[in-house]
PDB file of N, CA and C in Angstrom:
ATOM      1  N   UNK A   1     132.723 160.014 101.038  1.00  0.00           N
ATOM      2  CA  UNK A   1     131.380 159.760 100.572  1.00  0.00           C
ATOM      3  C   UNK A   1     130.885 160.899  99.674  1.00  0.00           C
ATOM      4  N   UNK A   2     131.268 162.099 100.017  1.00  0.00           N
ATOM      5  CA  UNK A   2     130.824 163.240  99.217  1.00  0.00           C
ATOM      6  C   UNK A   2     131.440 163.186  97.819  1.00  0.00           C
ATOM      7  N   UNK A   3     132.678 162.705  97.726  1.00  0.00           N
ATOM      8  CA  UNK A   3     133.327 162.568  96.427  1.00  0.00           C
ATOM      9  C   UNK A   3     132.595 161.543  95.569  1.00  0.00           C
ATOM     10  N   UNK A   4     132.154 160.455  96.190  1.00  0.00           N
ATOM     11  CA  UNK A   4     131.406 159.433  95.476  1.00  0.00           C
ATOM     12  C   UNK A   4     130.101 159.995  94.935  1.00  0.00           C
ATOM     13  N   UNK A   5     129.382 160.766  95.727  1.00  0.00           N
ATOM     14  CA  UNK A   5     128.114 161.331  95.291  1.00  0.00           C
ATOM     15  C   UNK A   5     128.306 162.348  94.174  1.00  0.00           C
ATOM     16  N   UNK A   6     129.354 163.153  94.259  1.00  0.00           N
ATOM     17  CA  UNK A   6     129.645 164.118  93.197  1.00  0.00           C
ATOM     18  C   UNK A   6     130.013 163.383  91.907  1.00  0.00           C
ATOM     19  N   UNK A   7     130.818 162.347  92.028  1.00  0.00           N
ATOM     20  CA  UNK A   7     131.196 161.561  90.849  1.00  0.00           C
ATOM     21  C   UNK A   7     129.988 160.874  90.249  1.00  0.00           C
ATOM     22  N   UNK A   8     129.116 160.355  91.072  1.00  0.00           N
ATOM     23  CA  UNK A   8     127.909 159.690  90.599  1.00  0.00           C
ATOM     24  C   UNK A   8     126.983 160.676  89.889  1.00  0.00           C
ATOM     25  N   UNK A   9     126.840 161.878  90.445  1.00  0.00           N
ATOM     26  CA  UNK A   9     126.017 162.908  89.808  1.00  0.00           C
ATOM     27  C   UNK A   9     126.624 163.333  88.474  1.00  0.00           C
ATOM     28  N   UNK A  10     127.941 163.464  88.410  1.00  0.00           N
ATOM     29  CA  UNK A  10     128.606 163.824  87.163  1.00  0.00           C
ATOM     30  C   UNK A  10     128.426 162.724  86.118  1.00  0.00           C
ATOM     31  N   UNK A  11     128.467 161.476  86.540  1.00  0.00           N
ATOM     32  CA  UNK A  11     128.264 160.358  85.627  1.00  0.00           C
ATOM     33  C   UNK A  11     126.852 160.369  85.050  1.00  0.00           C
ATOM     34  N   UNK A  12     125.862 160.590  85.876  1.00  0.00           N
ATOM     35  CA  UNK A  12     124.477 160.636  85.408  1.00  0.00           C
ATOM     36  C   UNK A  12     124.255 161.838  84.495  1.00  0.00           C
ATOM     37  N   UNK A  13     124.794 162.980  84.859  1.00  0.00           N
ATOM     38  CA  UNK A  13     124.668 164.174  84.019  1.00  0.00           C
ATOM     39  C   UNK A  13     125.347 163.963  82.669  1.00  0.00           C
ATOM     40  N   UNK A  14     126.535 163.407  82.664  1.00  0.00           N
ATOM     41  CA  UNK A  14     127.234 163.130  81.416  1.00  0.00           C
ATOM     42  C   UNK A  14     126.495 162.125  80.563  1.00  0.00           C
ATOM     43  N   UNK A  15     125.899 161.134  81.187  1.00  0.00           N
ATOM     44  CA  UNK A  15     125.129 160.120  80.452  1.00  0.00           C
ATOM     45  C   UNK A  15     123.937 160.745  79.742  1.00  0.00           C
ATOM     46  N   UNK A  16     123.216 161.606  80.416  1.00  0.00           N
ATOM     47  CA  UNK A  16     122.040 162.217  79.802  1.00  0.00           C
ATOM     48  C   UNK A  16     122.428 163.217  78.707  1.00  0.00           C
ATOM     49  N   UNK A  17     123.432 164.050  78.975  1.00  0.00           N
ATOM     50  CA  UNK A  17     123.837 165.056  77.992  1.00  0.00           C
ATOM     51  C   UNK A  17     124.437 164.381  76.761  1.00  0.00           C
ATOM     52  N   UNK A  18     125.349 163.444  76.958  1.00  0.00           N
ATOM     53  CA  UNK A  18     125.978 162.764  75.830  1.00  0.00           C
ATOM     54  C   UNK A  18     124.967 161.889  75.085  1.00  0.00           C
ATOM     55  N   UNK A  19     124.034 161.286  75.792  1.00  0.00           N
ATOM     56  CA  UNK A  19     123.002 160.484  75.151  1.00  0.00           C
ATOM     57  C   UNK A  19     122.126 161.308  74.233  1.00  0.00           C
ATOM     58  N   UNK A  20     121.749 162.489  74.659  1.00  0.00           N
ATOM     59  CA  UNK A  20     120.953 163.374  73.799  1.00  0.00           C
ATOM     60  C   UNK A  20     121.750 163.834  72.587  1.00  0.00           C
ATOM     61  N   UNK A  21     123.028 164.120  72.794  1.00  0.00           N
ATOM     62  CA  UNK A  21     123.879 164.540  71.683  1.00  0.00           C
ATOM     63  C   UNK A  21     124.016 163.422  70.646  1.00  0.00           C
ATOM     64  N   UNK A  22     124.282 162.210  71.090  1.00  0.00           N
ATOM     65  CA  UNK A  22     124.443 161.078  70.177  1.00  0.00           C
ATOM     66  C   UNK A  22     123.131 160.779  69.464  1.00  0.00           C
ATOM     67  N   UNK A  23     122.010 160.882  70.164  1.00  0.00           N
ATOM     68  CA  UNK A  23     120.715 160.652  69.526  1.00  0.00           C
ATOM     69  C   UNK A  23     120.443 161.706  68.449  1.00  0.00           C
ATOM     70  N   UNK A  24     120.884 162.916  68.690  1.00  0.00           N
ATOM     71  CA  UNK A  24     120.693 163.983  67.707  1.00  0.00           C
ATOM     72  C   UNK A  24     121.578 163.766  66.475  1.00  0.00           C
ATOM     73  N   UNK A  25     122.812 163.360  66.670  1.00  0.00           N
ATOM     74  CA  UNK A  25     123.751 163.180  65.567  1.00  0.00           C
ATOM     75  C   UNK A  25     123.414 161.927  64.763  1.00  0.00           C
ATOM     76  N   UNK A  26     123.153 160.814  65.452  1.00  0.00           N
ATOM     77  CA  UNK A  26     122.876 159.542  64.790  1.00  0.00           C
ATOM     78  C   UNK A  26     121.402 159.191  64.924  1.00  0.00           C
ATOM     79  N   UNK A  27     120.542 160.052  64.446  1.00  0.00           N
ATOM     80  CA  UNK A  27     119.102 159.859  64.597  1.00  0.00           C
ATOM     81  C   UNK A  27     118.638 158.621  63.825  1.00  0.00           C
ATOM     82  N   UNK A  28     117.850 157.773  64.461  1.00  0.00           N
ATOM     83  CA  UNK A  28     117.322 156.612  63.749  1.00  0.00           C
ATOM     84  C   UNK A  28     116.291 157.046  62.712  1.00  0.00           C
ATOM     85  N   UNK A  29     116.195 156.279  61.658  1.00  0.00           N
ATOM     86  CA  UNK A  29     115.216 156.570  60.628  1.00  0.00           C
ATOM     87  C   UNK A  29     114.458 155.294  60.284  1.00  0.00           C
ATOM     88  N   UNK A  30     113.525 155.401  59.384  1.00  0.00           N
ATOM     89  CA  UNK A  30     112.673 154.263  59.048  1.00  0.00           C
ATOM     90  C   UNK A  30     113.020 153.651  57.695  1.00  0.00           C
ATOM     91  N   UNK A  31     114.241 153.868  57.221  1.00  0.00           N
ATOM     92  CA  UNK A  31     114.642 153.267  55.958  1.00  0.00           C
ATOM     93  C   UNK A  31     114.792 151.759  56.125  1.00  0.00           C
ATOM     94  N   UNK A  32     114.445 150.991  55.090  1.00  0.00           N
ATOM     95  CA  UNK A  32     114.642 149.541  55.186  1.00  0.00           C
ATOM     96  C   UNK A  32     116.125 149.196  55.123  1.00  0.00           C
ATOM     97  N   UNK A  33     116.505 148.116  55.771  1.00  0.00           N
ATOM     98  CA  UNK A  33     117.890 147.677  55.748  1.00  0.00           C
ATOM     99  C   UNK A  33     118.211 147.086  54.379  1.00  0.00           C
ATOM    100  N   UNK A  34     119.499 146.953  54.029  1.00  0.00           N
ATOM    101  CA  UNK A  34     119.844 146.370  52.737  1.00  0.00           C
ATOM    102  C   UNK A  34     119.331 144.939  52.557  1.00  0.00           C
ATOM    103  N   UNK A  35     119.186 144.186  53.638  1.00  0.00           N
ATOM    104  CA  UNK A  35     118.657 142.821  53.523  1.00  0.00           C
ATOM    105  C   UNK A  35     117.213 142.830  53.047  1.00  0.00           C
ATOM    106  N   UNK A  36     116.494 143.897  53.298  1.00  0.00           N
ATOM    107  CA  UNK A  36     115.110 144.009  52.837  1.00  0.00           C
ATOM    108  C   UNK A  36     115.051 144.711  51.483  1.00  0.00           C
ATOM    109  N   UNK A  37     115.782 145.817  51.338  1.00  0.00           N
ATOM    110  CA  UNK A  37     115.700 146.621  50.117  1.00  0.00           C
ATOM    111  C   UNK A  37     116.375 145.958  48.924  1.00  0.00           C
ATOM    112  N   UNK A  38     117.463 145.219  49.154  1.00  0.00           N
ATOM    113  CA  UNK A  38     118.219 144.623  48.059  1.00  0.00           C
ATOM    114  C   UNK A  38     118.242 143.098  48.154  1.00  0.00           C
ATOM    115  N   UNK A  39     117.186 142.500  48.610  1.00  0.00           N
ATOM    116  CA  UNK A  39     117.142 141.047  48.816  1.00  0.00           C
ATOM    117  C   UNK A  39     117.397 140.302  47.513  1.00  0.00           C
ATOM    118  N   UNK A  40     118.448 139.479  47.523  1.00  0.00           N
ATOM    119  CA  UNK A  40     118.749 138.682  46.338  1.00  0.00           C
ATOM    120  C   UNK A  40     118.846 137.197  46.661  1.00  0.00           C
ATOM    121  N   UNK A  41     118.714 136.818  47.915  1.00  0.00           N
ATOM    122  CA  UNK A  41     118.740 135.420  48.304  1.00  0.00           C
ATOM    123  C   UNK A  41     120.124 134.846  48.524  1.00  0.00           C
ATOM    124  N   UNK A  42     121.180 135.612  48.214  1.00  0.00           N
ATOM    125  CA  UNK A  42     122.543 135.119  48.392  1.00  0.00           C
ATOM    126  C   UNK A  42     123.301 135.996  49.386  1.00  0.00           C
ATOM    127  N   UNK A  43     123.560 137.226  48.990  1.00  0.00           N
ATOM    128  CA  UNK A  43     124.309 138.140  49.849  1.00  0.00           C
ATOM    129  C   UNK A  43     123.411 138.902  50.822  1.00  0.00           C
ATOM    130  N   UNK A  44     122.242 139.264  50.384  1.00  0.00           N
ATOM    131  CA  UNK A  44     121.321 140.043  51.206  1.00  0.00           C
ATOM    132  C   UNK A  44     120.114 139.180  51.530  1.00  0.00           C
ATOM    133  N   UNK A  45     120.123 138.608  52.733  1.00  0.00           N
ATOM    134  CA  UNK A  45     119.040 137.731  53.164  1.00  0.00           C
ATOM    135  C   UNK A  45     118.578 138.218  54.531  1.00  0.00           C
ATOM    136  N   UNK A  46     117.285 138.438  54.663  1.00  0.00           N
ATOM    137  CA  UNK A  46     116.744 138.873  55.957  1.00  0.00           C
ATOM    138  C   UNK A  46     116.757 137.697  56.934  1.00  0.00           C
ATOM    139  N   UNK A  47     117.157 137.976  58.165  1.00  0.00           N
ATOM    140  CA  UNK A  47     117.218 136.952  59.193  1.00  0.00           C
ATOM    141  C   UNK A  47     115.838 136.775  59.819  1.00  0.00           C
ATOM    142  N   UNK A  48     115.415 135.539  60.064  1.00  0.00           N
ATOM    143  CA  UNK A  48     114.135 135.343  60.748  1.00  0.00           C
ATOM    144  C   UNK A  48     114.171 135.990  62.135  1.00  0.00           C
ATOM    145  N   UNK A  49     113.025 136.450  62.578  1.00  0.00           N
ATOM    146  CA  UNK A  49     112.959 137.185  63.846  1.00  0.00           C
ATOM    147  C   UNK A  49     113.430 136.346  65.023  1.00  0.00           C
ATOM    148  N   UNK A  50     113.146 135.062  65.033  1.00  0.00           N
ATOM    149  CA  UNK A  50     113.515 134.228  66.179  1.00  0.00           C
ATOM    150  C   UNK A  50     115.028 134.013  66.259  1.00  0.00           C
ATOM    151  N   UNK A  51     115.762 134.186  65.172  1.00  0.00           N
ATOM    152  CA  UNK A  51     117.220 134.022  65.198  1.00  0.00           C
ATOM    153  C   UNK A  51     117.953 135.288  65.641  1.00  0.00           C
ATOM    154  N   UNK A  52     117.268 136.398  65.715  1.00  0.00           N
ATOM    155  CA  UNK A  52     117.900 137.646  66.107  1.00  0.00           C
ATOM    156  C   UNK A  52     118.502 137.530  67.506  1.00  0.00           C
ATOM    157  N   UNK A  53     117.859 136.787  68.381  1.00  0.00           N
ATOM    158  CA  UNK A  53     118.310 136.684  69.763  1.00  0.00           C
ATOM    159  C   UNK A  53     119.446 135.692  69.936  1.00  0.00           C
ATOM    160  N   UNK A  54     119.852 134.987  68.884  1.00  0.00           N
ATOM    161  CA  UNK A  54     120.964 134.049  68.955  1.00  0.00           C
ATOM    162  C   UNK A  54     122.306 134.721  68.719  1.00  0.00           C
ATOM    163  N   UNK A  55     122.290 135.959  68.274  1.00  0.00           N
ATOM    164  CA  UNK A  55     123.546 136.655  67.953  1.00  0.00           C
ATOM    165  C   UNK A  55     124.260 137.044  69.227  1.00  0.00           C
TER     166      UNK A  55
END
């Protein structure tokens, strides 16, 4: 049981540390996507919001 608790604590610690690292490296930004910035009606078409959940 003690091994399970140590492994569980290590998993949670790794999740938080690695999550912060990944968030720092791949920080989200507010740039528009190519479907919005380069909309041409053929190759770059924005998907309606209600269809996002069908993917």
